[in-house]
C-alpha atoms as a PDB file:
ATOM      1  CA  UNK A   1      47.537  96.098 124.747  1.00  0.00           C
ATOM      2  CA  UNK A   2      45.676  97.581 127.949  1.00  0.00           C
ATOM      3  CA  UNK A   3      47.189  97.328 131.316  1.00  0.00           C
ATOM      4  CA  UNK A   4      44.367  94.654 132.097  1.00  0.00           C
ATOM      5  CA  UNK A   5      44.922  92.991 129.072  1.00  0.00           C
ATOM      6  CA  UNK A   6      48.715  92.476 130.178  1.00  0.00           C
ATOM      7  CA  UNK A   7      47.875  91.291 133.323  1.00  0.00           C
ATOM      8  CA  UNK A   8      45.289  88.563 131.873  1.00  0.00           C
ATOM      9  CA  UNK A   9      48.335  87.772 129.458  1.00  0.00           C
ATOM     10  CA  UNK A  10      50.585  87.463 132.874  1.00  0.00           C
ATOM     11  CA  UNK A  11      48.219  85.164 134.449  1.00  0.00           C
ATOM     12  CA  UNK A  12      47.411  83.038 131.433  1.00  0.00           C
ATOM     13  CA  UNK A  13      51.013  82.596 130.496  1.00  0.00           C
ATOM     14  CA  UNK A  14      52.807  82.160 134.261  1.00  0.00           C
ATOM     15  CA  UNK A  15      49.876  80.396 135.961  1.00  0.00           C
ATOM     16  CA  UNK A  16      47.714  78.800 133.352  1.00  0.00           C
ATOM     17  CA  UNK A  17      50.428  77.686 130.800  1.00  0.00           C
ATOM     18  CA  UNK A  18      53.139  77.335 133.297  1.00  0.00           C
ATOM     19  CA  UNK A  19      55.171  79.540 131.160  1.00  0.00           C
ATOM     20  CA  UNK A  20      57.553  80.866 133.774  1.00  0.00           C
ATOM     21  CA  UNK A  21      59.666  82.499 131.326  1.00  0.00           C
ATOM     22  CA  UNK A  22      57.014  85.086 131.042  1.00  0.00           C
ATOM     23  CA  UNK A  23      57.824  86.254 134.685  1.00  0.00           C
ATOM     24  CA  UNK A  24      61.186  87.627 133.804  1.00  0.00           C
ATOM     25  CA  UNK A  25      59.549  88.974 130.467  1.00  0.00           C
ATOM     26  CA  UNK A  26      56.916  90.686 132.210  1.00  0.00           C
ATOM     27  CA  UNK A  27      58.673  92.068 135.257  1.00  0.00           C
ATOM     28  CA  UNK A  28      61.032  95.108 135.097  1.00  0.00           C
ATOM     29  CA  UNK A  29      64.640  93.802 136.497  1.00  0.00           C
ATOM     30  CA  UNK A  30      64.131  95.690 139.672  1.00  0.00           C
ATOM     31  CA  UNK A  31      60.239  94.555 140.441  1.00  0.00           C
ATOM     32  CA  UNK A  32      59.457  92.857 143.452  1.00  0.00           C
ATOM     33  CA  UNK A  33      56.151  90.869 144.087  1.00  0.00           C
ATOM     34  CA  UNK A  34      54.858  92.252 147.653  1.00  0.00           C
ATOM     35  CA  UNK A  35      52.103  91.126 149.681  1.00  0.00           C
ATOM     36  CA  UNK A  36      52.007  87.189 149.816  1.00  0.00           C
ATOM     37  CA  UNK A  37      54.617  87.265 152.492  1.00  0.00           C
ATOM     38  CA  UNK A  38      54.364  90.056 154.860  1.00  0.00           C
ATOM     39  CA  UNK A  39      57.905  89.969 155.994  1.00  0.00           C
ATOM     40  CA  UNK A  40      59.681  90.485 152.365  1.00  0.00           C
ATOM     41  CA  UNK A  41      59.155  90.597 148.560  1.00  0.00           C
ATOM     42  CA  UNK A  42      59.806  88.113 145.893  1.00  0.00           C
ATOM     43  CA  UNK A  43      62.384  88.410 143.157  1.00  0.00           C
ATOM     44  CA  UNK A  44      61.675  86.662 139.905  1.00  0.00           C
ATOM     45  CA  UNK A  45      63.657  83.847 140.823  1.00  0.00           C
ATOM     46  CA  UNK A  46      61.374  83.542 144.044  1.00  0.00           C
ATOM     47  CA  UNK A  47      58.054  84.293 142.387  1.00  0.00           C
ATOM     48  CA  UNK A  48      58.998  81.296 139.894  1.00  0.00           C
ATOM     49  CA  UNK A  49      59.616  78.881 142.998  1.00  0.00           C
ATOM     50  CA  UNK A  50      56.273  80.120 144.325  1.00  0.00           C
ATOM     51  CA  UNK A  51      54.527  79.381 141.055  1.00  0.00           C
ATOM     52  CA  UNK A  52      56.004  75.885 140.879  1.00  0.00           C
ATOM     53  CA  UNK A  53      55.209  75.109 144.443  1.00  0.00           C
ATOM     54  CA  UNK A  54      51.351  76.301 144.032  1.00  0.00           C
ATOM     55  CA  UNK A  55      51.012  74.460 140.728  1.00  0.00           C
ATOM     56  CA  UNK A  56      52.284  71.182 142.067  1.00  0.00           C
ATOM     57  CA  UNK A  57      49.033  71.430 144.276  1.00  0.00           C
ATOM     58  CA  UNK A  58      46.305  72.428 141.649  1.00  0.00           C
ATOM     59  CA  UNK A  59      45.705  71.672 137.948  1.00  0.00           C
ATOM     60  CA  UNK A  60      43.760  73.088 135.328  1.00  0.00           C
ATOM     61  CA  UNK A  61      43.825  76.657 136.802  1.00  0.00           C
ATOM     62  CA  UNK A  62      41.995  79.720 135.460  1.00  0.00           C
ATOM     63  CA  UNK A  63      42.208  83.135 136.620  1.00  0.00           C
ATOM     64  CA  UNK A  64      39.148  85.406 135.878  1.00  0.00           C
ATOM     65  CA  UNK A  65      38.904  89.311 136.852  1.00  0.00           C
ATOM     66  CA  UNK A  66      35.462  90.041 138.543  1.00  0.00           C
ATOM     67  CA  UNK A  67      36.234  93.714 139.180  1.00  0.00           C
ATOM     68  CA  UNK A  68      38.782  95.959 137.805  1.00  0.00           C
ATOM     69  CA  UNK A  69      39.873  99.671 138.243  1.00  0.00           C
ATOM     70  CA  UNK A  70      42.503 101.695 136.511  1.00  0.00           C
ATOM     71  CA  UNK A  71      44.252 105.026 137.599  1.00  0.00           C
ATOM     72  CA  UNK A  72      47.123 106.013 135.437  1.00  0.00           C
ATOM     73  CA  UNK A  73      49.715 103.517 135.373  1.00  0.00           C
ATOM     74  CA  UNK A  74      47.940 101.257 138.249  1.00  0.00           C
ATOM     75  CA  UNK A  75      45.498  98.599 137.785  1.00  0.00           C
ATOM     76  CA  UNK A  76      43.680  96.992 140.713  1.00  0.00           C
ATOM     77  CA  UNK A  77      41.579  93.827 140.100  1.00  0.00           C
ATOM     78  CA  UNK A  78      39.785  91.124 142.392  1.00  0.00           C
ATOM     79  CA  UNK A  79      40.477  87.611 140.972  1.00  0.00           C
ATOM     80  CA  UNK A  80      38.513  84.450 141.011  1.00  0.00           C
ATOM     81  CA  UNK A  81      40.781  81.486 140.834  1.00  0.00           C
ATOM     82  CA  UNK A  82      39.349  78.440 139.533  1.00  0.00           C
ATOM     83  CA  UNK A  83      41.489  75.008 139.724  1.00  0.00           C
ATOM     84  CA  UNK A  84      41.214  71.309 140.707  1.00  0.00           C
ATOM     85  CA  UNK A  85      43.029  69.765 143.377  1.00  0.00           C
ATOM     86  CA  UNK A  86      45.981  68.065 141.660  1.00  0.00           C
ATOM     87  CA  UNK A  87      45.659  64.990 144.183  1.00  0.00           C
ATOM     88  CA  UNK A  88      41.531  64.462 143.883  1.00  0.00           C
ATOM     89  CA  UNK A  89      40.945  66.706 140.745  1.00  0.00           C
ATOM     90  CA  UNK A  90      37.857  68.155 142.948  1.00  0.00           C
ATOM     91  CA  UNK A  91      37.188  71.939 141.605  1.00  0.00           C
ATOM     92  CA  UNK A  92      38.154  74.597 144.176  1.00  0.00           C
ATOM     93  CA  UNK A  93      37.649  78.391 143.619  1.00  0.00           C
ATOM     94  CA  UNK A  94      39.608  81.153 145.817  1.00  0.00           C
ATOM     95  CA  UNK A  95      39.702  84.774 145.410  1.00  0.00           C
ATOM     96  CA  UNK A  96      42.401  87.382 145.390  1.00  0.00           C
ATOM     97  CA  UNK A  97      43.406  90.977 145.209  1.00  0.00           C
ATOM     98  CA  UNK A  98      46.201  92.528 142.674  1.00  0.00           C
ATOM     99  CA  UNK A  99      47.367  95.878 142.586  1.00  0.00           C
ATOM    100  CA  UNK A 100      49.993  96.331 139.760  1.00  0.00           C
ATOM    101  CA  UNK A 101      51.752  99.349 138.411  1.00  0.00           C
ATOM    102  CA  UNK A 102      52.929  99.082 134.599  1.00  0.00           C
ATOM    103  CA  UNK A 103      56.080 100.813 133.376  1.00  0.00           C
ATOM    104  CA  UNK A 104      56.914 100.429 129.692  1.00  0.00           C
ATOM    105  CA  UNK A 105      54.582  97.597 129.276  1.00  0.00           C
ATOM    106  CA  UNK A 106      56.142  95.541 132.010  1.00  0.00           C
ATOM    107  CA  UNK A 107      55.398  95.277 135.863  1.00  0.00           C
ATOM    108  CA  UNK A 108      57.098  97.532 137.775  1.00  0.00           C
ATOM    109  CA  UNK A 109      55.452  96.785 141.155  1.00  0.00           C
ATOM    110  CA  UNK A 110      52.953  93.950 142.083  1.00  0.00           C
ATOM    111  CA  UNK A 111      51.223  93.721 145.383  1.00  0.00           C
ATOM    112  CA  UNK A 112      49.200  90.320 145.613  1.00  0.00           C
ATOM    113  CA  UNK A 113      47.030  88.910 148.410  1.00  0.00           C
ATOM    114  CA  UNK A 114      45.474  85.501 147.967  1.00  0.00           C
ATOM    115  CA  UNK A 115      43.174  83.628 150.194  1.00  0.00           C
ATOM    116  CA  UNK A 116      45.576  81.419 151.340  1.00  0.00           C
ATOM    117  CA  UNK A 117      43.677  80.319 154.316  1.00  0.00           C
ATOM    118  CA  UNK A 118      40.669  78.960 152.029  1.00  0.00           C
ATOM    119  CA  UNK A 119      43.040  77.292 149.554  1.00  0.00           C
ATOM    120  CA  UNK A 120      44.626  75.286 152.055  1.00  0.00           C
ATOM    121  CA  UNK A 121      41.298  74.301 153.771  1.00  0.00           C
ATOM    122  CA  UNK A 122      40.121  73.358 150.266  1.00  0.00           C
ATOM    123  CA  UNK A 123      43.409  71.344 149.748  1.00  0.00           C
ATOM    124  CA  UNK A 124      42.834  69.467 152.876  1.00  0.00           C
ATOM    125  CA  UNK A 125      45.829  70.893 154.622  1.00  0.00           C
ATOM    126  CA  UNK A 126      43.872  72.979 156.904  1.00  0.00           C
ATOM    127  CA  UNK A 127      40.554  71.739 158.829  1.00  0.00           C
ATOM    128  CA  UNK A 128      37.465  72.597 157.418  1.00  0.00           C
ATOM    129  CA  UNK A 129      36.193  75.772 159.300  1.00  0.00           C
ATOM    130  CA  UNK A 130      39.646  76.318 160.485  1.00  0.00           C
ATOM    131  CA  UNK A 131      39.007  80.068 160.036  1.00  0.00           C
ATOM    132  CA  UNK A 132      35.962  79.853 161.999  1.00  0.00           C
ATOM    133  CA  UNK A 133      37.769  77.759 164.781  1.00  0.00           C
ATOM    134  CA  UNK A 134      40.567  80.312 165.012  1.00  0.00           C
ATOM    135  CA  UNK A 135      37.963  83.250 165.375  1.00  0.00           C
ATOM    136  CA  UNK A 136      36.699  81.261 168.479  1.00  0.00           C
ATOM    137  CA  UNK A 137      40.188  81.973 170.407  1.00  0.00           C
ATOM    138  CA  UNK A 138      40.697  78.297 169.796  1.00  0.00           C
ATOM    139  CA  UNK A 139      44.080  77.288 167.999  1.00  0.00           C
ATOM    140  CA  UNK A 140      45.030  74.750 165.676  1.00  0.00           C
ATOM    141  CA  UNK A 141      46.811  71.569 166.985  1.00  0.00           C
ATOM    142  CA  UNK A 142      48.832  69.217 164.679  1.00  0.00           C
ATOM    143  CA  UNK A 143      49.772  65.938 166.733  1.00  0.00           C
END
């Protein structure tokens, strides 16, 4: 299996099929997921919690690789994530990037960035055009 195949398997198992045991199977014991939260990396247990939280918000998730680059044991992909809102079943689409280093057919390092801003806009948790509003210098206010 190529590194690209392994990463697709990872997304299919963990994110599409909700097989959270695949996290421990695919991650090396000392691996961390970095990039989603700038201040800290995620352990396998943390990653399981993150996956559960996100999958509570969306259903029918599919991850597609629009671009992929490989160099040695590293793989970089641009992801297109298609899903439905869990509450309304309205289709949503967001993008992300993932950089993964494989060691012995397991994930040794992973750096992920997801367009959470767009995701939360599409889920109705942020106002539409929130990014454009923030770019004007205005803040988002909650009552």
